[in-house]
Amino acid sequence: MIPRQQLLLDLKPEQPPTLDNFVAGSNAELVARLRNLTGPASFEAITLWGAQGCGKSHLLAAVAAAADSRRPVLFLRGEEVVDLTPPTSCLLIIDDVEGLAPEAQIALFRCFNAARFLGLAMLIASSAPPLRLDLREDLRTRIGQTLIYEVQALTDEEKGAALQRHAIARGMLMDAGVVQYLLRHGRRDLPSLMAMLDGLDRVSLEQKRSPTLPLLKELMQTNLDLDPL
């Protein structure tokens, strides 16, 4: 039987998000742009948008980590912004820009105005395209003038291939149906699917059982009882 309390800890992703471990799929051009944004000589402004689970959070955290040793980084969620005083040559990252309070919207608009003078690069993220954001018009216009990318979700085929590669890298010899079952019954985002695969690998090693489909079903059912999918 799988230890229930241990399971929640086991299902957390093991690796911190990086641009290298982001499965790009149709987002190769975007990832290349983001790599350039981490450098001190980049002053671009980029906006990402997409539905939950498409990989925005992974990309923002990865860019912040990659840029941290190369330039100042200020990384905030929209709801956390009160005032903005980014240092010179900073990479300013705002997640959930639609959560900005009215005063914070004014502060971000001022950052756009001062970006060239301060040498700022900017990375903005939202759940909807700029024209549909409930923001003051001048700020929405400025965001609309950035490079805008919709983060494209992976297809099931791309997720399946990524899961197979992940399993091979871990040395897992698993049932052929494990990946397809995960895709049909697991969470839709790739980090959660990979975390479940990691959990299956750990449980199989701990219990000296093969990573079979019945073991995966047991693992997923136990996790469902504790943390509904």
C-alpha atoms as a PDB file:
ATOM      1  CA  MET A   1       0.000   0.000   0.000  1.00  0.00           C
ATOM      2  CA  ILE A   2       1.304   3.469  -0.847  1.00  0.00           C
ATOM      3  CA  PRO A   3       1.941   5.670   2.245  1.00  0.00           C
ATOM      4  CA  ARG A   4      -0.656   8.414   1.981  1.00  0.00           C
ATOM      5  CA  GLN A   5       1.209  11.224   3.735  1.00  0.00           C
ATOM      6  CA  GLN A   6       4.393  10.503   1.796  1.00  0.00           C
ATOM      7  CA  LEU A   7       2.505  10.713  -1.482  1.00  0.00           C
ATOM      8  CA  LEU A   8       1.837  14.453  -1.424  1.00  0.00           C
ATOM      9  CA  LEU A   9       5.533  15.144  -0.927  1.00  0.00           C
ATOM     10  CA  ASP A  10       6.505  12.673  -3.633  1.00  0.00           C
ATOM     11  CA  LEU A  11       4.388  14.319  -6.304  1.00  0.00           C
ATOM     12  CA  LYS A  12       6.126  17.675  -6.248  1.00  0.00           C
ATOM     13  CA  PRO A  13       8.237  18.350  -9.360  1.00  0.00           C
ATOM     14  CA  GLU A  14      11.911  17.603  -8.709  1.00  0.00           C
ATOM     15  CA  GLN A  15      13.638  20.055 -11.034  1.00  0.00           C
ATOM     16  CA  PRO A  16      13.419  23.853 -10.863  1.00  0.00           C
ATOM     17  CA  PRO A  17      11.998  25.379 -14.044  1.00  0.00           C
ATOM     18  CA  THR A  18      14.570  26.360 -16.653  1.00  0.00           C
ATOM     19  CA  LEU A  19      14.415  27.305 -20.307  1.00  0.00           C
ATOM     20  CA  ASP A  20      16.257  24.070 -21.087  1.00  0.00           C
ATOM     21  CA  ASN A  21      13.700  21.786 -19.421  1.00  0.00           C
ATOM     22  CA  PHE A  22      10.703  23.633 -20.873  1.00  0.00           C
ATOM     23  CA  VAL A  23       9.208  21.463 -23.615  1.00  0.00           C
ATOM     24  CA  ALA A  24       8.797  24.098 -26.325  1.00  0.00           C
ATOM     25  CA  GLY A  25       6.523  22.384 -28.834  1.00  0.00           C
ATOM     26  CA  SER A  26       5.186  25.227 -30.988  1.00  0.00           C
ATOM     27  CA  ASN A  27       6.827  27.847 -28.728  1.00  0.00           C
ATOM     28  CA  ALA A  28      10.390  27.608 -30.073  1.00  0.00           C
ATOM     29  CA  GLU A  29      10.477  31.216 -31.310  1.00  0.00           C
ATOM     30  CA  LEU A  30       9.171  32.458 -27.962  1.00  0.00           C
ATOM     31  CA  VAL A  31      11.794  30.509 -25.999  1.00  0.00           C
ATOM     32  CA  ALA A  32      14.556  31.953 -28.213  1.00  0.00           C
ATOM     33  CA  ARG A  33      13.241  35.483 -27.549  1.00  0.00           C
ATOM     34  CA  LEU A  34      13.171  34.824 -23.817  1.00  0.00           C
ATOM     35  CA  ARG A  35      16.774  33.572 -23.842  1.00  0.00           C
ATOM     36  CA  ASN A  36      17.824  36.892 -25.358  1.00  0.00           C
ATOM     37  CA  LEU A  37      15.805  38.783 -22.753  1.00  0.00           C
ATOM     38  CA  THR A  38      17.982  37.432 -19.931  1.00  0.00           C
ATOM     39  CA  GLY A  39      21.079  39.236 -21.215  1.00  0.00           C
ATOM     40  CA  PRO A  40      22.112  42.698 -19.977  1.00  0.00           C
ATOM     41  CA  ALA A  41      22.076  44.117 -23.507  1.00  0.00           C
ATOM     42  CA  SER A  42      18.408  43.285 -24.138  1.00  0.00           C
ATOM     43  CA  PHE A  43      15.808  46.023 -23.700  1.00  0.00           C
ATOM     44  CA  GLU A  44      12.801  44.335 -25.274  1.00  0.00           C
ATOM     45  CA  ALA A  45       9.310  44.233 -23.825  1.00  0.00           C
ATOM     46  CA  ILE A  46       7.456  40.934 -24.228  1.00  0.00           C
ATOM     47  CA  THR A  47       3.950  39.913 -23.207  1.00  0.00           C
ATOM     48  CA  LEU A  48       2.924  36.277 -22.733  1.00  0.00           C
ATOM     49  CA  TRP A  49      -0.644  35.125 -22.440  1.00  0.00           C
ATOM     50  CA  GLY A  50      -2.411  31.804 -22.345  1.00  0.00           C
ATOM     51  CA  ALA A  51      -4.731  29.559 -20.384  1.00  0.00           C
ATOM     52  CA  GLN A  52      -3.815  28.001 -17.053  1.00  0.00           C
ATOM     53  CA  GLY A  53      -1.442  25.075 -17.469  1.00  0.00           C
ATOM     54  CA  CYS A  54       0.092  26.285 -20.738  1.00  0.00           C
ATOM     55  CA  GLY A  55       3.514  26.902 -19.153  1.00  0.00           C
ATOM     56  CA  LYS A  56       3.535  30.649 -18.418  1.00  0.00           C
ATOM     57  CA  SER A  57       4.600  30.207 -14.785  1.00  0.00           C
ATOM     58  CA  HIS A  58       7.427  27.878 -15.825  1.00  0.00           C
ATOM     59  CA  LEU A  59       8.693  30.383 -18.386  1.00  0.00           C
ATOM     60  CA  LEU A  60       8.577  33.371 -16.033  1.00  0.00           C
ATOM     61  CA  ALA A  61      10.443  31.531 -13.275  1.00  0.00           C
ATOM     62  CA  ALA A  62      12.961  30.176 -15.789  1.00  0.00           C
ATOM     63  CA  VAL A  63      13.680  33.607 -17.257  1.00  0.00           C
ATOM     64  CA  ALA A  64      14.061  35.145 -13.795  1.00  0.00           C
ATOM     65  CA  ALA A  65      16.524  32.425 -12.759  1.00  0.00           C
ATOM     66  CA  ALA A  66      18.518  32.656 -15.993  1.00  0.00           C
ATOM     67  CA  ALA A  67      18.771  36.448 -15.807  1.00  0.00           C
ATOM     68  CA  ASP A  68      19.582  36.643 -12.091  1.00  0.00           C
ATOM     69  CA  SER A  69      23.349  36.347 -12.503  1.00  0.00           C
ATOM     70  CA  ARG A  70      23.447  38.657 -15.520  1.00  0.00           C
ATOM     71  CA  ARG A  71      21.325  41.675 -14.584  1.00  0.00           C
ATOM     72  CA  PRO A  72      19.049  42.952 -11.794  1.00  0.00           C
ATOM     73  CA  VAL A  73      15.676  41.175 -11.753  1.00  0.00           C
ATOM     74  CA  LEU A  74      12.409  42.356 -10.198  1.00  0.00           C
ATOM     75  CA  PHE A  75       9.750  39.610 -10.329  1.00  0.00           C
ATOM     76  CA  LEU A  76       6.286  40.377  -8.946  1.00  0.00           C
ATOM     77  CA  ARG A  77       2.718  39.151  -9.254  1.00  0.00           C
ATOM     78  CA  GLY A  78       0.246  41.849 -10.230  1.00  0.00           C
ATOM     79  CA  GLU A  79      -1.535  41.756  -6.895  1.00  0.00           C
ATOM     80  CA  GLU A  80       1.784  42.310  -5.065  1.00  0.00           C
ATOM     81  CA  VAL A  81       2.654  45.543  -6.863  1.00  0.00           C
ATOM     82  CA  VAL A  82       2.241  48.739  -4.881  1.00  0.00           C
ATOM     83  CA  ASP A  83       4.925  50.938  -6.394  1.00  0.00           C
ATOM     84  CA  LEU A  84       7.637  50.153  -8.913  1.00  0.00           C
ATOM     85  CA  THR A  85      11.175  51.479  -8.653  1.00  0.00           C
ATOM     86  CA  PRO A  86      13.223  49.074 -10.787  1.00  0.00           C
ATOM     87  CA  PRO A  87      16.990  49.649 -10.835  1.00  0.00           C
ATOM     88  CA  THR A  88      18.837  50.599 -13.998  1.00  0.00           C
ATOM     89  CA  SER A  89      19.211  47.778 -16.550  1.00  0.00           C
ATOM     90  CA  CYS A  90      16.646  45.708 -14.660  1.00  0.00           C
ATOM     91  CA  LEU A  91      14.546  42.893 -16.085  1.00  0.00           C
ATOM     92  CA  LEU A  92      11.056  43.663 -14.771  1.00  0.00           C
ATOM     93  CA  ILE A  93       8.726  40.643 -14.702  1.00  0.00           C
ATOM     94  CA  ILE A  94       5.040  41.060 -13.853  1.00  0.00           C
ATOM     95  CA  ASP A  95       2.847  37.963 -13.651  1.00  0.00           C
ATOM     96  CA  ASP A  96      -0.965  38.236 -13.719  1.00  0.00           C
ATOM     97  CA  VAL A  97      -0.844  41.844 -14.876  1.00  0.00           C
ATOM     98  CA  GLU A  98      -4.653  41.925 -14.809  1.00  0.00           C
ATOM     99  CA  GLY A  99      -4.379  41.818 -10.999  1.00  0.00           C
ATOM    100  CA  LEU A 100      -2.777  45.273 -10.781  1.00  0.00           C
ATOM    101  CA  ALA A 101      -4.592  47.734  -8.514  1.00  0.00           C
ATOM    102  CA  PRO A 102      -5.300  51.203 -10.025  1.00  0.00           C
ATOM    103  CA  GLU A 103      -2.224  52.767  -8.379  1.00  0.00           C
ATOM    104  CA  ALA A 104      -0.040  49.897  -9.526  1.00  0.00           C
ATOM    105  CA  GLN A 105      -1.294  50.338 -13.098  1.00  0.00           C
ATOM    106  CA  ILE A 106      -0.095  53.932 -13.003  1.00  0.00           C
ATOM    107  CA  ALA A 107       3.277  52.761 -11.662  1.00  0.00           C
ATOM    108  CA  LEU A 108       3.684  50.222 -14.473  1.00  0.00           C
ATOM    109  CA  PHE A 109       2.687  52.829 -17.076  1.00  0.00           C
ATOM    110  CA  ARG A 110       5.449  55.078 -15.718  1.00  0.00           C
ATOM    111  CA  CYS A 111       7.918  52.204 -16.041  1.00  0.00           C
ATOM    112  CA  PHE A 112       7.009  51.904 -19.711  1.00  0.00           C
ATOM    113  CA  ASN A 113       7.648  55.639 -20.134  1.00  0.00           C
ATOM    114  CA  ALA A 114      11.011  55.407 -18.353  1.00  0.00           C
ATOM    115  CA  ALA A 115      12.122  52.084 -19.849  1.00  0.00           C
ATOM    116  CA  ARG A 116      14.462  53.549 -22.468  1.00  0.00           C
ATOM    117  CA  PHE A 117      16.062  55.945 -19.958  1.00  0.00           C
ATOM    118  CA  LEU A 118      16.531  53.197 -17.317  1.00  0.00           C
ATOM    119  CA  GLY A 119      17.565  50.473 -19.770  1.00  0.00           C
ATOM    120  CA  LEU A 120      14.708  48.197 -18.694  1.00  0.00           C
ATOM    121  CA  ALA A 121      13.661  44.939 -20.257  1.00  0.00           C
ATOM    122  CA  MET A 122      10.111  43.876 -19.446  1.00  0.00           C
ATOM    123  CA  LEU A 123       8.247  40.571 -19.370  1.00  0.00           C
ATOM    124  CA  ILE A 124       4.492  40.744 -18.769  1.00  0.00           C
ATOM    125  CA  ALA A 125       2.134  37.778 -18.371  1.00  0.00           C
ATOM    126  CA  SER A 126      -1.652  37.539 -18.406  1.00  0.00           C
ATOM    127  CA  SER A 127      -4.419  35.011 -18.956  1.00  0.00           C
ATOM    128  CA  ALA A 128      -5.909  36.957 -21.890  1.00  0.00           C
ATOM    129  CA  PRO A 129      -4.555  39.000 -24.827  1.00  0.00           C
ATOM    130  CA  PRO A 130      -3.816  42.672 -24.047  1.00  0.00           C
ATOM    131  CA  LEU A 131      -6.913  44.046 -25.804  1.00  0.00           C
ATOM    132  CA  ARG A 132      -9.143  42.031 -23.468  1.00  0.00           C
ATOM    133  CA  LEU A 133      -7.454  43.045 -20.213  1.00  0.00           C
ATOM    134  CA  ASP A 134      -9.443  45.112 -17.728  1.00  0.00           C
ATOM    135  CA  LEU A 135      -6.789  47.806 -17.328  1.00  0.00           C
ATOM    136  CA  ARG A 136      -6.643  51.548 -17.831  1.00  0.00           C
ATOM    137  CA  GLU A 137      -6.568  52.378 -21.528  1.00  0.00           C
ATOM    138  CA  ASP A 138      -3.106  53.966 -21.662  1.00  0.00           C
ATOM    139  CA  LEU A 139      -1.501  50.969 -19.960  1.00  0.00           C
ATOM    140  CA  ARG A 140      -3.418  48.482 -22.116  1.00  0.00           C
ATOM    141  CA  THR A 141      -2.188  50.367 -25.200  1.00  0.00           C
ATOM    142  CA  ARG A 142       1.431  50.223 -24.003  1.00  0.00           C
ATOM    143  CA  ILE A 143       1.196  46.502 -23.309  1.00  0.00           C
ATOM    144  CA  GLY A 144      -0.368  46.062 -26.745  1.00  0.00           C
ATOM    145  CA  GLN A 145       2.752  47.609 -28.292  1.00  0.00           C
ATOM    146  CA  THR A 146       5.058  44.951 -26.833  1.00  0.00           C
ATOM    147  CA  LEU A 147       5.991  41.706 -28.577  1.00  0.00           C
ATOM    148  CA  ILE A 148       2.962  39.518 -27.842  1.00  0.00           C
ATOM    149  CA  TYR A 149       3.022  35.721 -27.742  1.00  0.00           C
ATOM    150  CA  GLU A 150       0.264  33.311 -26.942  1.00  0.00           C
ATOM    151  CA  VAL A 151       1.897  30.385 -25.147  1.00  0.00           C
ATOM    152  CA  GLN A 152       0.750  27.382 -27.147  1.00  0.00           C
ATOM    153  CA  ALA A 153      -0.262  24.341 -25.123  1.00  0.00           C
ATOM    154  CA  LEU A 154       1.382  21.056 -26.045  1.00  0.00           C
ATOM    155  CA  THR A 155      -0.574  18.500 -27.997  1.00  0.00           C
ATOM    156  CA  ASP A 156      -1.151  15.096 -26.395  1.00  0.00           C
ATOM    157  CA  GLU A 157       1.386  13.648 -28.837  1.00  0.00           C
ATOM    158  CA  GLU A 158       4.023  16.173 -27.710  1.00  0.00           C
ATOM    159  CA  LYS A 159       3.228  15.502 -24.041  1.00  0.00           C
ATOM    160  CA  GLY A 160       3.453  11.770 -24.628  1.00  0.00           C
ATOM    161  CA  ALA A 161       6.838  12.075 -26.330  1.00  0.00           C
ATOM    162  CA  ALA A 162       8.121  14.293 -23.496  1.00  0.00           C
ATOM    163  CA  LEU A 163       6.918  11.796 -20.875  1.00  0.00           C
ATOM    164  CA  GLN A 164       8.576   8.922 -22.729  1.00  0.00           C
ATOM    165  CA  ARG A 165      11.876  10.829 -22.864  1.00  0.00           C
ATOM    166  CA  HIS A 166      11.557  11.671 -19.165  1.00  0.00           C
ATOM    167  CA  ALA A 167      10.965   8.007 -18.299  1.00  0.00           C
ATOM    168  CA  ILE A 168      13.968   6.890 -20.359  1.00  0.00           C
ATOM    169  CA  ALA A 169      16.160   9.502 -18.649  1.00  0.00           C
ATOM    170  CA  ARG A 170      15.113   8.064 -15.262  1.00  0.00           C
ATOM    171  CA  GLY A 171      15.784   4.517 -16.453  1.00  0.00           C
ATOM    172  CA  MET A 172      12.156   3.464 -16.048  1.00  0.00           C
ATOM    173  CA  LEU A 173      11.031   0.212 -17.678  1.00  0.00           C
ATOM    174  CA  MET A 174       7.279   0.726 -17.519  1.00  0.00           C
ATOM    175  CA  ASP A 175       4.157  -0.695 -19.091  1.00  0.00           C
ATOM    176  CA  ALA A 176       3.376   0.621 -22.557  1.00  0.00           C
ATOM    177  CA  GLY A 177      -0.017   1.900 -21.390  1.00  0.00           C
ATOM    178  CA  VAL A 178       1.264   4.056 -18.516  1.00  0.00           C
ATOM    179  CA  VAL A 179       1.816   7.211 -20.576  1.00  0.00           C
ATOM    180  CA  GLN A 180      -1.518   6.951 -22.405  1.00  0.00           C
ATOM    181  CA  TYR A 181      -3.364   6.411 -19.122  1.00  0.00           C
ATOM    182  CA  LEU A 182      -1.657   9.469 -17.633  1.00  0.00           C
ATOM    183  CA  LEU A 183      -2.664  11.567 -20.622  1.00  0.00           C
ATOM    184  CA  ARG A 184      -6.291  10.441 -20.370  1.00  0.00           C
ATOM    185  CA  HIS A 185      -6.721  10.645 -16.600  1.00  0.00           C
ATOM    186  CA  GLY A 186      -3.987  12.926 -15.229  1.00  0.00           C
ATOM    187  CA  ARG A 187      -3.852  16.668 -14.966  1.00  0.00           C
ATOM    188  CA  ARG A 188      -3.446  18.428 -18.288  1.00  0.00           C
ATOM    189  CA  ASP A 189      -0.222  20.365 -17.622  1.00  0.00           C
ATOM    190  CA  LEU A 190       3.096  18.680 -18.323  1.00  0.00           C
ATOM    191  CA  PRO A 191       4.814  19.467 -14.965  1.00  0.00           C
ATOM    192  CA  SER A 192       2.014  17.678 -13.092  1.00  0.00           C
ATOM    193  CA  LEU A 193       2.183  14.716 -15.465  1.00  0.00           C
ATOM    194  CA  MET A 194       5.957  14.473 -15.043  1.00  0.00           C
ATOM    195  CA  ALA A 195       5.610  14.776 -11.271  1.00  0.00           C
ATOM    196  CA  MET A 196       3.163  11.862 -11.301  1.00  0.00           C
ATOM    197  CA  LEU A 197       5.615   9.846 -13.391  1.00  0.00           C
ATOM    198  CA  ASP A 198       8.381  10.687 -10.897  1.00  0.00           C
ATOM    199  CA  GLY A 199       6.089   9.579  -8.067  1.00  0.00           C
ATOM    200  CA  LEU A 200       5.428   6.296  -9.858  1.00  0.00           C
ATOM    201  CA  ASP A 201       9.172   5.724 -10.243  1.00  0.00           C
ATOM    202  CA  ARG A 202       9.880   6.432  -6.566  1.00  0.00           C
ATOM    203  CA  VAL A 203       7.033   4.267  -5.290  1.00  0.00           C
ATOM    204  CA  SER A 204       8.050   1.395  -7.564  1.00  0.00           C
ATOM    205  CA  LEU A 205      11.621   1.552  -6.239  1.00  0.00           C
ATOM    206  CA  GLU A 206      10.553   1.898  -2.598  1.00  0.00           C
ATOM    207  CA  GLN A 207       8.101  -1.007  -2.807  1.00  0.00           C
ATOM    208  CA  LYS A 208      10.258  -3.059  -5.190  1.00  0.00           C
ATOM    209  CA  ARG A 209       7.381  -3.220  -7.662  1.00  0.00           C
ATOM    210  CA  SER A 210       7.515  -2.634 -11.407  1.00  0.00           C
ATOM    211  CA  PRO A 211       6.111   0.727 -12.668  1.00  0.00           C
ATOM    212  CA  THR A 212       2.997  -0.932 -14.042  1.00  0.00           C
ATOM    213  CA  LEU A 213      -0.399   0.430 -14.970  1.00  0.00           C
ATOM    214  CA  PRO A 214      -2.055  -1.072 -11.823  1.00  0.00           C
ATOM    215  CA  LEU A 215       0.538   0.674  -9.638  1.00  0.00           C
ATOM    216  CA  LEU A 216      -0.082   3.963 -11.454  1.00  0.00           C
ATOM    217  CA  LYS A 217      -3.841   3.612 -10.896  1.00  0.00           C
ATOM    218  CA  GLU A 218      -3.237   2.985  -7.189  1.00  0.00           C
ATOM    219  CA  LEU A 219      -0.945   6.017  -7.013  1.00  0.00           C
ATOM    220  CA  MET A 220      -3.420   8.278  -8.794  1.00  0.00           C
ATOM    221  CA  GLN A 221      -6.361   7.066  -6.699  1.00  0.00           C
ATOM    222  CA  THR A 222      -4.483   7.715  -3.463  1.00  0.00           C
ATOM    223  CA  ASN A 223      -3.515  11.170  -4.681  1.00  0.00           C
ATOM    224  CA  LEU A 224      -7.116  11.810  -5.761  1.00  0.00           C
ATOM    225  CA  ASP A 225      -8.322  10.984  -2.249  1.00  0.00           C
ATOM    226  CA  LEU A 226      -5.868  13.494  -0.764  1.00  0.00           C
ATOM    227  CA  ASP A 227      -5.726  16.214  -3.412  1.00  0.00           C
ATOM    228  CA  PRO A 228      -8.541  16.068  -6.015  1.00  0.00           C
ATOM    229  CA  LEU A 229      -7.434  16.374  -9.634  1.00  0.00           C
END
